[in-house]
Amino acid sequence: MGGRSAGPIDSSEHALTFFEQRVDAMLRLLADPPRSCFTIDALRRAIEDLPPAQYDALTHYERWVHAMRVLVIEKGLLSKAKIAQHLARPHGAGTLPLLDPF
């Protein structure tokens, strides 16, 4: 988080996992024009609003998932109930991790 020592950054190239590819695709669909459901600045704000312990426990892409969930609820694109309903269905369970911090 801003101003805190985080240690060395691994800047080596690596192939994205399937999860990382899906999260990246969701972000592009939600944030890129012409949809622009939210801005990258809003994503950053939602990530920086995480409590420090939760921020530290999540990976980079898990933080994105959390932030996208916050923002689609804030924008009224989805409700907490609709997300919970999706996760309760067999095919939805476990497909989008970290959607229960609320």
PDB file of N, CA and C in Angstrom:
ATOM      1  N   MET A   1       0.844  -1.169   0.000  1.00  0.00           N
ATOM      2  CA  MET A   1       0.000   0.000   0.000  1.00  0.00           C
ATOM      3  C   MET A   1       0.888   1.230   0.000  1.00  0.00           C
ATOM      4  N   GLY A   2       0.344   2.289  -0.439  1.00  0.00           N
ATOM      5  CA  GLY A   2       1.116   3.507  -0.612  1.00  0.00           C
ATOM      6  C   GLY A   2       2.024   3.843   0.549  1.00  0.00           C
ATOM      7  N   GLY A   3       3.317   3.998   0.270  1.00  0.00           N
ATOM      8  CA  GLY A   3       4.262   4.414   1.280  1.00  0.00           C
ATOM      9  C   GLY A   3       4.827   3.323   2.163  1.00  0.00           C
ATOM     10  N   ARG A   4       4.258   2.131   2.084  1.00  0.00           N
ATOM     11  CA  ARG A   4       4.753   1.028   2.919  1.00  0.00           C
ATOM     12  C   ARG A   4       5.797   0.233   2.164  1.00  0.00           C
ATOM     13  N   SER A   5       6.789  -0.237   2.869  1.00  0.00           N
ATOM     14  CA  SER A   5       7.802  -1.086   2.268  1.00  0.00           C
ATOM     15  C   SER A   5       7.180  -2.436   1.926  1.00  0.00           C
ATOM     16  N   ALA A   6       7.359  -2.867   0.688  1.00  0.00           N
ATOM     17  CA  ALA A   6       6.758  -4.122   0.254  1.00  0.00           C
ATOM     18  C   ALA A   6       7.802  -5.151  -0.150  1.00  0.00           C
ATOM     19  N   GLY A   7       9.056  -4.793  -0.054  1.00  0.00           N
ATOM     20  CA  GLY A   7      10.098  -5.722  -0.438  1.00  0.00           C
ATOM     21  C   GLY A   7      10.352  -5.686  -1.935  1.00  0.00           C
ATOM     22  N   PRO A   8      11.193  -6.585  -2.419  1.00  0.00           N
ATOM     23  CA  PRO A   8      11.551  -6.576  -3.842  1.00  0.00           C
ATOM     24  C   PRO A   8      10.360  -6.966  -4.721  1.00  0.00           C
ATOM     25  N   ILE A   9      10.350  -6.430  -5.918  1.00  0.00           N
ATOM     26  CA  ILE A   9       9.302  -6.728  -6.893  1.00  0.00           C
ATOM     27  C   ILE A   9       9.868  -7.678  -7.932  1.00  0.00           C
ATOM     28  N   ASP A  10       9.169  -8.772  -8.159  1.00  0.00           N
ATOM     29  CA  ASP A  10       9.572  -9.731  -9.186  1.00  0.00           C
ATOM     30  C   ASP A  10       9.074  -9.206 -10.523  1.00  0.00           C
ATOM     31  N   SER A  11       9.989  -8.710 -11.337  1.00  0.00           N
ATOM     32  CA  SER A  11       9.616  -8.142 -12.631  1.00  0.00           C
ATOM     33  C   SER A  11       9.900  -9.088 -13.789  1.00  0.00           C
ATOM     34  N   SER A  12      10.171 -10.339 -13.470  1.00  0.00           N
ATOM     35  CA  SER A  12      10.437 -11.309 -14.535  1.00  0.00           C
ATOM     36  C   SER A  12       9.139 -11.639 -15.274  1.00  0.00           C
ATOM     37  N   GLU A  13       9.287 -11.953 -16.546  1.00  0.00           N
ATOM     38  CA  GLU A  13       8.133 -12.328 -17.361  1.00  0.00           C
ATOM     39  C   GLU A  13       7.626 -13.700 -16.916  1.00  0.00           C
ATOM     40  N   HIS A  14       6.309 -13.860 -16.942  1.00  0.00           N
ATOM     41  CA  HIS A  14       5.728 -15.165 -16.645  1.00  0.00           C
ATOM     42  C   HIS A  14       4.403 -15.269 -17.389  1.00  0.00           C
ATOM     43  N   ALA A  15       4.036 -16.490 -17.689  1.00  0.00           N
ATOM     44  CA  ALA A  15       2.759 -16.708 -18.350  1.00  0.00           C
ATOM     45  C   ALA A  15       1.643 -16.509 -17.337  1.00  0.00           C
ATOM     46  N   LEU A  16       0.572 -15.852 -17.773  1.00  0.00           N
ATOM     47  CA  LEU A  16      -0.564 -15.663 -16.887  1.00  0.00           C
ATOM     48  C   LEU A  16      -1.299 -16.980 -16.691  1.00  0.00           C
ATOM     49  N   THR A  17      -1.756 -17.203 -15.475  1.00  0.00           N
ATOM     50  CA  THR A  17      -2.576 -18.382 -15.202  1.00  0.00           C
ATOM     51  C   THR A  17      -3.949 -18.171 -15.831  1.00  0.00           C
ATOM     52  N   PHE A  18      -4.741 -19.221 -15.896  1.00  0.00           N
ATOM     53  CA  PHE A  18      -6.092 -19.117 -16.434  1.00  0.00           C
ATOM     54  C   PHE A  18      -6.903 -18.108 -15.623  1.00  0.00           C
ATOM     55  N   PHE A  19      -6.788 -18.165 -14.298  1.00  0.00           N
ATOM     56  CA  PHE A  19      -7.482 -17.217 -13.425  1.00  0.00           C
ATOM     57  C   PHE A  19      -7.068 -15.782 -13.757  1.00  0.00           C
ATOM     58  N   GLU A  20      -5.762 -15.531 -13.880  1.00  0.00           N
ATOM     59  CA  GLU A  20      -5.272 -14.190 -14.178  1.00  0.00           C
ATOM     60  C   GLU A  20      -5.775 -13.708 -15.536  1.00  0.00           C
ATOM     61  N   GLN A  21      -5.829 -14.601 -16.518  1.00  0.00           N
ATOM     62  CA  GLN A  21      -6.347 -14.239 -17.838  1.00  0.00           C
ATOM     63  C   GLN A  21      -7.815 -13.840 -17.756  1.00  0.00           C
ATOM     64  N   ARG A  22      -8.605 -14.586 -16.980  1.00  0.00           N
ATOM     65  CA  ARG A  22     -10.036 -14.280 -16.833  1.00  0.00           C
ATOM     66  C   ARG A  22     -10.243 -12.946 -16.131  1.00  0.00           C
ATOM     67  N   VAL A  23      -9.473 -12.696 -15.091  1.00  0.00           N
ATOM     68  CA  VAL A  23      -9.604 -11.435 -14.355  1.00  0.00           C
ATOM     69  C   VAL A  23      -9.203 -10.267 -15.258  1.00  0.00           C
ATOM     70  N   ASP A  24      -8.119 -10.415 -16.011  1.00  0.00           N
ATOM     71  CA  ASP A  24      -7.680  -9.375 -16.931  1.00  0.00           C
ATOM     72  C   ASP A  24      -8.764  -9.100 -17.977  1.00  0.00           C
ATOM     73  N   ALA A  25      -9.376 -10.158 -18.495  1.00  0.00           N
ATOM     74  CA  ALA A  25     -10.446  -9.996 -19.489  1.00  0.00           C
ATOM     75  C   ALA A  25     -11.648  -9.267 -18.883  1.00  0.00           C
ATOM     76  N   MET A  26     -12.022  -9.620 -17.652  1.00  0.00           N
ATOM     77  CA  MET A  26     -13.144  -8.933 -16.997  1.00  0.00           C
ATOM     78  C   MET A  26     -12.847  -7.451 -16.830  1.00  0.00           C
ATOM     79  N   LEU A  27     -11.620  -7.132 -16.415  1.00  0.00           N
ATOM     80  CA  LEU A  27     -11.261  -5.730 -16.228  1.00  0.00           C
ATOM     81  C   LEU A  27     -11.331  -4.983 -17.553  1.00  0.00           C
ATOM     82  N   ARG A  28     -10.809  -5.592 -18.609  1.00  0.00           N
ATOM     83  CA  ARG A  28     -10.855  -4.941 -19.921  1.00  0.00           C
ATOM     84  C   ARG A  28     -12.292  -4.715 -20.380  1.00  0.00           C
ATOM     85  N   LEU A  29     -13.148  -5.690 -20.157  1.00  0.00           N
ATOM     86  CA  LEU A  29     -14.547  -5.540 -20.558  1.00  0.00           C
ATOM     87  C   LEU A  29     -15.257  -4.443 -19.774  1.00  0.00           C
ATOM     88  N   LEU A  30     -14.940  -4.313 -18.510  1.00  0.00           N
ATOM     89  CA  LEU A  30     -15.627  -3.337 -17.661  1.00  0.00           C
ATOM     90  C   LEU A  30     -15.040  -1.924 -17.739  1.00  0.00           C
ATOM     91  N   ALA A  31     -13.748  -1.808 -17.982  1.00  0.00           N
ATOM     92  CA  ALA A  31     -13.102  -0.501 -17.892  1.00  0.00           C
ATOM     93  C   ALA A  31     -12.762   0.132 -19.243  1.00  0.00           C
ATOM     94  N   ASP A  32     -12.653  -0.660 -20.291  1.00  0.00           N
ATOM     95  CA  ASP A  32     -12.264  -0.097 -21.584  1.00  0.00           C
ATOM     96  C   ASP A  32     -13.456   0.528 -22.300  1.00  0.00           C
ATOM     97  N   PRO A  33     -13.192   1.593 -23.058  1.00  0.00           N
ATOM     98  CA  PRO A  33     -14.261   2.158 -23.884  1.00  0.00           C
ATOM     99  C   PRO A  33     -14.733   1.108 -24.878  1.00  0.00           C
ATOM    100  N   PRO A  34     -15.953   1.099 -25.318  1.00  0.00           N
ATOM    101  CA  PRO A  34     -16.955   2.134 -25.073  1.00  0.00           C
ATOM    102  C   PRO A  34     -17.775   1.909 -23.800  1.00  0.00           C
ATOM    103  N   ARG A  35     -17.603   0.776 -23.118  1.00  0.00           N
ATOM    104  CA  ARG A  35     -18.403   0.505 -21.918  1.00  0.00           C
ATOM    105  C   ARG A  35     -18.044   1.445 -20.787  1.00  0.00           C
ATOM    106  N   SER A  36     -16.770   1.468 -20.421  1.00  0.00           N
ATOM    107  CA  SER A  36     -16.271   2.315 -19.333  1.00  0.00           C
ATOM    108  C   SER A  36     -17.200   2.322 -18.126  1.00  0.00           C
ATOM    109  N   CYS A  37     -17.463   1.139 -17.591  1.00  0.00           N
ATOM    110  CA  CYS A  37     -18.314   1.030 -16.398  1.00  0.00           C
ATOM    111  C   CYS A  37     -17.665   1.695 -15.197  1.00  0.00           C
ATOM    112  N   PHE A  38     -16.340   1.735 -15.189  1.00  0.00           N
ATOM    113  CA  PHE A  38     -15.586   2.448 -14.161  1.00  0.00           C
ATOM    114  C   PHE A  38     -14.197   2.726 -14.697  1.00  0.00           C
ATOM    115  N   THR A  39     -13.489   3.609 -14.026  1.00  0.00           N
ATOM    116  CA  THR A  39     -12.138   3.972 -14.463  1.00  0.00           C
ATOM    117  C   THR A  39     -11.096   3.170 -13.701  1.00  0.00           C
ATOM    118  N   ILE A  40      -9.895   3.188 -14.220  1.00  0.00           N
ATOM    119  CA  ILE A  40      -8.783   2.541 -13.531  1.00  0.00           C
ATOM    120  C   ILE A  40      -8.514   3.265 -12.205  1.00  0.00           C
ATOM    121  N   ASP A  41      -8.762   4.571 -12.169  1.00  0.00           N
ATOM    122  CA  ASP A  41      -8.615   5.310 -10.907  1.00  0.00           C
ATOM    123  C   ASP A  41      -9.594   4.790  -9.865  1.00  0.00           C
ATOM    124  N   ALA A  42     -10.815   4.477 -10.278  1.00  0.00           N
ATOM    125  CA  ALA A  42     -11.805   3.919  -9.350  1.00  0.00           C
ATOM    126  C   ALA A  42     -11.356   2.540  -8.879  1.00  0.00           C
ATOM    127  N   LEU A  43     -10.795   1.743  -9.790  1.00  0.00           N
ATOM    128  CA  LEU A  43     -10.282   0.426  -9.408  1.00  0.00           C
ATOM    129  C   LEU A  43      -9.190   0.580  -8.352  1.00  0.00           C
ATOM    130  N   ARG A  44      -8.298   1.517  -8.591  1.00  0.00           N
ATOM    131  CA  ARG A  44      -7.208   1.752  -7.643  1.00  0.00           C
ATOM    132  C   ARG A  44      -7.757   2.174  -6.278  1.00  0.00           C
ATOM    133  N   ARG A  45      -8.744   3.058  -6.271  1.00  0.00           N
ATOM    134  CA  ARG A  45      -9.351   3.496  -5.016  1.00  0.00           C
ATOM    135  C   ARG A  45      -9.961   2.324  -4.263  1.00  0.00           C
ATOM    136  N   ALA A  46     -10.673   1.450  -4.987  1.00  0.00           N
ATOM    137  CA  ALA A  46     -11.297   0.291  -4.341  1.00  0.00           C
ATOM    138  C   ALA A  46     -10.241  -0.656  -3.768  1.00  0.00           C
ATOM    139  N   ILE A  47      -9.128  -0.782  -4.455  1.00  0.00           N
ATOM    140  CA  ILE A  47      -8.038  -1.626  -3.947  1.00  0.00           C
ATOM    141  C   ILE A  47      -7.415  -0.984  -2.714  1.00  0.00           C
ATOM    142  N   GLU A  48      -7.171   0.314  -2.784  1.00  0.00           N
ATOM    143  CA  GLU A  48      -6.529   1.004  -1.660  1.00  0.00           C
ATOM    144  C   GLU A  48      -7.440   1.117  -0.439  1.00  0.00           C
ATOM    145  N   ASP A  49      -8.740   0.919  -0.628  1.00  0.00           N
ATOM    146  CA  ASP A  49      -9.674   0.925   0.501  1.00  0.00           C
ATOM    147  C   ASP A  49      -9.663  -0.387   1.292  1.00  0.00           C
ATOM    148  N   LEU A  50      -8.996  -1.403   0.763  1.00  0.00           N
ATOM    149  CA  LEU A  50      -8.906  -2.672   1.489  1.00  0.00           C
ATOM    150  C   LEU A  50      -8.187  -2.461   2.824  1.00  0.00           C
ATOM    151  N   PRO A  51      -8.635  -3.142   3.873  1.00  0.00           N
ATOM    152  CA  PRO A  51      -7.878  -3.101   5.128  1.00  0.00           C
ATOM    153  C   PRO A  51      -6.477  -3.679   4.894  1.00  0.00           C
ATOM    154  N   PRO A  52      -5.461  -3.154   5.560  1.00  0.00           N
ATOM    155  CA  PRO A  52      -4.088  -3.617   5.318  1.00  0.00           C
ATOM    156  C   PRO A  52      -3.907  -5.136   5.384  1.00  0.00           C
ATOM    157  N   ALA A  53      -4.514  -5.797   6.359  1.00  0.00           N
ATOM    158  CA  ALA A  53      -4.342  -7.250   6.483  1.00  0.00           C
ATOM    159  C   ALA A  53      -4.925  -7.975   5.278  1.00  0.00           C
ATOM    160  N   GLN A  54      -6.075  -7.529   4.803  1.00  0.00           N
ATOM    161  CA  GLN A  54      -6.689  -8.162   3.632  1.00  0.00           C
ATOM    162  C   GLN A  54      -5.872  -7.850   2.378  1.00  0.00           C
ATOM    163  N   TYR A  55      -5.411  -6.619   2.245  1.00  0.00           N
ATOM    164  CA  TYR A  55      -4.572  -6.226   1.113  1.00  0.00           C
ATOM    165  C   TYR A  55      -3.345  -7.134   1.030  1.00  0.00           C
ATOM    166  N   ASP A  56      -2.689  -7.326   2.166  1.00  0.00           N
ATOM    167  CA  ASP A  56      -1.479  -8.149   2.200  1.00  0.00           C
ATOM    168  C   ASP A  56      -1.761  -9.613   1.915  1.00  0.00           C
ATOM    169  N   ALA A  57      -2.951 -10.092   2.238  1.00  0.00           N
ATOM    170  CA  ALA A  57      -3.283 -11.505   2.058  1.00  0.00           C
ATOM    171  C   ALA A  57      -3.661 -11.843   0.620  1.00  0.00           C
ATOM    172  N   LEU A  58      -4.014 -10.840  -0.172  1.00  0.00           N
ATOM    173  CA  LEU A  58      -4.487 -11.093  -1.532  1.00  0.00           C
ATOM    174  C   LEU A  58      -3.368 -10.938  -2.552  1.00  0.00           C
ATOM    175  N   THR A  59      -3.494 -11.693  -3.640  1.00  0.00           N
ATOM    176  CA  THR A  59      -2.577 -11.501  -4.763  1.00  0.00           C
ATOM    177  C   THR A  59      -3.032 -10.282  -5.558  1.00  0.00           C
ATOM    178  N   HIS A  60      -2.207  -9.863  -6.475  1.00  0.00           N
ATOM    179  CA  HIS A  60      -2.516  -8.714  -7.337  1.00  0.00           C
ATOM    180  C   HIS A  60      -3.873  -8.891  -8.028  1.00  0.00           C
ATOM    181  N   TYR A  61      -4.084 -10.035  -8.644  1.00  0.00           N
ATOM    182  CA  TYR A  61      -5.331 -10.263  -9.385  1.00  0.00           C
ATOM    183  C   TYR A  61      -6.519 -10.484  -8.449  1.00  0.00           C
ATOM    184  N   GLU A  62      -6.293 -11.032  -7.292  1.00  0.00           N
ATOM    185  CA  GLU A  62      -7.371 -11.160  -6.309  1.00  0.00           C
ATOM    186  C   GLU A  62      -7.830  -9.787  -5.827  1.00  0.00           C
ATOM    187  N   ARG A  63      -6.901  -8.842  -5.728  1.00  0.00           N
ATOM    188  CA  ARG A  63      -7.281  -7.467  -5.385  1.00  0.00           C
ATOM    189  C   ARG A  63      -8.152  -6.871  -6.486  1.00  0.00           C
ATOM    190  N   TRP A  64      -7.819  -7.164  -7.730  1.00  0.00           N
ATOM    191  CA  TRP A  64      -8.631  -6.684  -8.858  1.00  0.00           C
ATOM    192  C   TRP A  64     -10.050  -7.249  -8.764  1.00  0.00           C
ATOM    193  N   VAL A  65     -10.177  -8.552  -8.464  1.00  0.00           N
ATOM    194  CA  VAL A  65     -11.509  -9.166  -8.345  1.00  0.00           C
ATOM    195  C   VAL A  65     -12.309  -8.459  -7.258  1.00  0.00           C
ATOM    196  N   HIS A  66     -11.688  -8.263  -6.116  1.00  0.00           N
ATOM    197  CA  HIS A  66     -12.367  -7.572  -5.017  1.00  0.00           C
ATOM    198  C   HIS A  66     -12.824  -6.184  -5.472  1.00  0.00           C
ATOM    199  N   ALA A  67     -11.919  -5.431  -6.090  1.00  0.00           N
ATOM    200  CA  ALA A  67     -12.231  -4.065  -6.507  1.00  0.00           C
ATOM    201  C   ALA A  67     -13.337  -4.047  -7.565  1.00  0.00           C
ATOM    202  N   MET A  68     -13.296  -4.962  -8.514  1.00  0.00           N
ATOM    203  CA  MET A  68     -14.353  -5.005  -9.534  1.00  0.00           C
ATOM    204  C   MET A  68     -15.698  -5.306  -8.901  1.00  0.00           C
ATOM    205  N   ARG A  69     -15.706  -6.183  -7.907  1.00  0.00           N
ATOM    206  CA  ARG A  69     -16.966  -6.498  -7.216  1.00  0.00           C
ATOM    207  C   ARG A  69     -17.509  -5.254  -6.524  1.00  0.00           C
ATOM    208  N   VAL A  70     -16.654  -4.557  -5.814  1.00  0.00           N
ATOM    209  CA  VAL A  70     -17.061  -3.326  -5.133  1.00  0.00           C
ATOM    210  C   VAL A  70     -17.644  -2.338  -6.144  1.00  0.00           C
ATOM    211  N   LEU A  71     -16.965  -2.160  -7.254  1.00  0.00           N
ATOM    212  CA  LEU A  71     -17.370  -1.145  -8.225  1.00  0.00           C
ATOM    213  C   LEU A  71     -18.647  -1.508  -8.975  1.00  0.00           C
ATOM    214  N   VAL A  72     -18.841  -2.775  -9.329  1.00  0.00           N
ATOM    215  CA  VAL A  72     -20.085  -3.118 -10.032  1.00  0.00           C
ATOM    216  C   VAL A  72     -21.286  -2.978  -9.097  1.00  0.00           C
ATOM    217  N   ILE A  73     -21.062  -3.185  -7.799  1.00  0.00           N
ATOM    218  CA  ILE A  73     -22.139  -2.957  -6.827  1.00  0.00           C
ATOM    219  C   ILE A  73     -22.381  -1.457  -6.676  1.00  0.00           C
ATOM    220  N   GLU A  74     -21.319  -0.674  -6.527  1.00  0.00           N
ATOM    221  CA  GLU A  74     -21.459   0.780  -6.406  1.00  0.00           C
ATOM    222  C   GLU A  74     -22.177   1.388  -7.607  1.00  0.00           C
ATOM    223  N   LYS A  75     -21.870   0.894  -8.792  1.00  0.00           N
ATOM    224  CA  LYS A  75     -22.463   1.432 -10.026  1.00  0.00           C
ATOM    225  C   LYS A  75     -23.858   0.878 -10.297  1.00  0.00           C
ATOM    226  N   GLY A  76     -24.291  -0.089  -9.485  1.00  0.00           N
ATOM    227  CA  GLY A  76     -25.614  -0.666  -9.673  1.00  0.00           C
ATOM    228  C   GLY A  76     -25.705  -1.660 -10.816  1.00  0.00           C
ATOM    229  N   LEU A  77     -24.570  -2.136 -11.294  1.00  0.00           N
ATOM    230  CA  LEU A  77     -24.566  -3.121 -12.378  1.00  0.00           C
ATOM    231  C   LEU A  77     -24.995  -4.490 -11.868  1.00  0.00           C
ATOM    232  N   LEU A  78     -24.605  -4.812 -10.652  1.00  0.00           N
ATOM    233  CA  LEU A  78     -24.997  -6.040  -9.976  1.00  0.00           C
ATOM    234  C   LEU A  78     -25.257  -5.708  -8.513  1.00  0.00           C
ATOM    235  N   SER A  79     -26.087  -6.503  -7.895  1.00  0.00           N
ATOM    236  CA  SER A  79     -26.330  -6.334  -6.460  1.00  0.00           C
ATOM    237  C   SER A  79     -25.588  -7.428  -5.705  1.00  0.00           C
ATOM    238  N   LYS A  80     -25.412  -7.204  -4.415  1.00  0.00           N
ATOM    239  CA  LYS A  80     -24.815  -8.252  -3.573  1.00  0.00           C
ATOM    240  C   LYS A  80     -25.654  -9.515  -3.651  1.00  0.00           C
ATOM    241  N   ALA A  81     -26.974  -9.350  -3.679  1.00  0.00           N
ATOM    242  CA  ALA A  81     -27.881 -10.507  -3.742  1.00  0.00           C
ATOM    243  C   ALA A  81     -27.704 -11.270  -5.044  1.00  0.00           C
ATOM    244  N   LYS A  82     -27.555 -10.566  -6.159  1.00  0.00           N
ATOM    245  CA  LYS A  82     -27.387 -11.227  -7.454  1.00  0.00           C
ATOM    246  C   LYS A  82     -26.066 -11.997  -7.495  1.00  0.00           C
ATOM    247  N   ILE A  83     -25.032 -11.425  -6.929  1.00  0.00           N
ATOM    248  CA  ILE A  83     -23.739 -12.118  -6.883  1.00  0.00           C
ATOM    249  C   ILE A  83     -23.862 -13.360  -6.007  1.00  0.00           C
ATOM    250  N   ALA A  84     -24.489 -13.219  -4.847  1.00  0.00           N
ATOM    251  CA  ALA A  84     -24.685 -14.369  -3.947  1.00  0.00           C
ATOM    252  C   ALA A  84     -25.508 -15.449  -4.630  1.00  0.00           C
ATOM    253  N   GLN A  85     -26.534 -15.040  -5.373  1.00  0.00           N
ATOM    254  CA  GLN A  85     -27.374 -15.997  -6.105  1.00  0.00           C
ATOM    255  C   GLN A  85     -26.541 -16.759  -7.130  1.00  0.00           C
ATOM    256  N   HIS A  86     -25.690 -16.075  -7.841  1.00  0.00           N
ATOM    257  CA  HIS A  86     -24.820 -16.721  -8.834  1.00  0.00           C
ATOM    258  C   HIS A  86     -23.871 -17.713  -8.155  1.00  0.00           C
ATOM    259  N   LEU A  87     -23.288 -17.297  -7.040  1.00  0.00           N
ATOM    260  CA  LEU A  87     -22.335 -18.169  -6.359  1.00  0.00           C
ATOM    261  C   LEU A  87     -23.007 -19.385  -5.735  1.00  0.00           C
ATOM    262  N   ALA A  88     -24.305 -19.286  -5.464  1.00  0.00           N
ATOM    263  CA  ALA A  88     -25.043 -20.406  -4.882  1.00  0.00           C
ATOM    264  C   ALA A  88     -25.342 -21.482  -5.909  1.00  0.00           C
ATOM    265  N   ARG A  89     -25.311 -21.135  -7.181  1.00  0.00           N
ATOM    266  CA  ARG A  89     -25.569 -22.124  -8.231  1.00  0.00           C
ATOM    267  C   ARG A  89     -24.333 -23.007  -8.388  1.00  0.00           C
ATOM    268  N   PRO A  90     -24.533 -24.289  -8.697  1.00  0.00           N
ATOM    269  CA  PRO A  90     -23.391 -25.213  -8.789  1.00  0.00           C
ATOM    270  C   PRO A  90     -22.290 -24.749  -9.737  1.00  0.00           C
ATOM    271  N   HIS A  91     -22.643 -24.222 -10.900  1.00  0.00           N
ATOM    272  CA  HIS A  91     -21.592 -23.803 -11.827  1.00  0.00           C
ATOM    273  C   HIS A  91     -20.928 -22.503 -11.398  1.00  0.00           C
ATOM    274  N   GLY A  92     -21.545 -21.742 -10.502  1.00  0.00           N
ATOM    275  CA  GLY A  92     -20.970 -20.485 -10.062  1.00  0.00           C
ATOM    276  C   GLY A  92     -20.080 -20.625  -8.845  1.00  0.00           C
ATOM    277  N   ALA A  93     -20.291 -21.673  -8.094  1.00  0.00           N
ATOM    278  CA  ALA A  93     -19.533 -21.846  -6.856  1.00  0.00           C
ATOM    279  C   ALA A  93     -18.051 -21.973  -7.144  1.00  0.00           C
ATOM    280  N   GLY A  94     -17.281 -21.131  -6.497  1.00  0.00           N
ATOM    281  CA  GLY A  94     -15.830 -21.223  -6.599  1.00  0.00           C
ATOM    282  C   GLY A  94     -15.240 -20.652  -7.866  1.00  0.00           C
ATOM    283  N   THR A  95     -16.048 -20.099  -8.767  1.00  0.00           N
ATOM    284  CA  THR A  95     -15.471 -19.584 -10.008  1.00  0.00           C
ATOM    285  C   THR A  95     -14.945 -18.182  -9.842  1.00  0.00           C
ATOM    286  N   LEU A  96     -15.467 -17.425  -8.881  1.00  0.00           N
ATOM    287  CA  LEU A  96     -14.979 -16.083  -8.630  1.00  0.00           C
ATOM    288  C   LEU A  96     -14.604 -15.977  -7.155  1.00  0.00           C
ATOM    289  N   PRO A  97     -13.346 -16.201  -6.829  1.00  0.00           N
ATOM    290  CA  PRO A  97     -12.958 -16.214  -5.427  1.00  0.00           C
ATOM    291  C   PRO A  97     -13.047 -14.821  -4.810  1.00  0.00           C
ATOM    292  N   LEU A  98     -13.105 -14.808  -3.519  1.00  0.00           N
ATOM    293  CA  LEU A  98     -13.022 -13.600  -2.716  1.00  0.00           C
ATOM    294  C   LEU A  98     -14.196 -12.663  -2.899  1.00  0.00           C
ATOM    295  N   LEU A  99     -15.369 -13.215  -3.103  1.00  0.00           N
ATOM    296  CA  LEU A  99     -16.531 -12.372  -3.271  1.00  0.00           C
ATOM    297  C   LEU A  99     -17.372 -12.279  -2.013  1.00  0.00           C
ATOM    298  N   ASP A 100     -16.848 -12.719  -0.888  1.00  0.00           N
ATOM    299  CA  ASP A 100     -17.612 -12.685   0.347  1.00  0.00           C
ATOM    300  C   ASP A 100     -17.039 -11.764   1.427  1.00  0.00           C
ATOM    301  N   PRO A 101     -16.180 -10.796   1.105  1.00  0.00           N
ATOM    302  CA  PRO A 101     -15.624  -9.987   2.187  1.00  0.00           C
ATOM    303  C   PRO A 101     -16.598  -8.954   2.739  1.00  0.00           C
ATOM    304  N   PHE A 102     -17.790  -8.870   2.205  1.00  0.00           N
ATOM    305  CA  PHE A 102     -18.758  -7.863   2.637  1.00  0.00           C
ATOM    306  C   PHE A 102     -19.639  -8.400   3.734  1.00  0.00           C
TER     307      PHE A 102
END
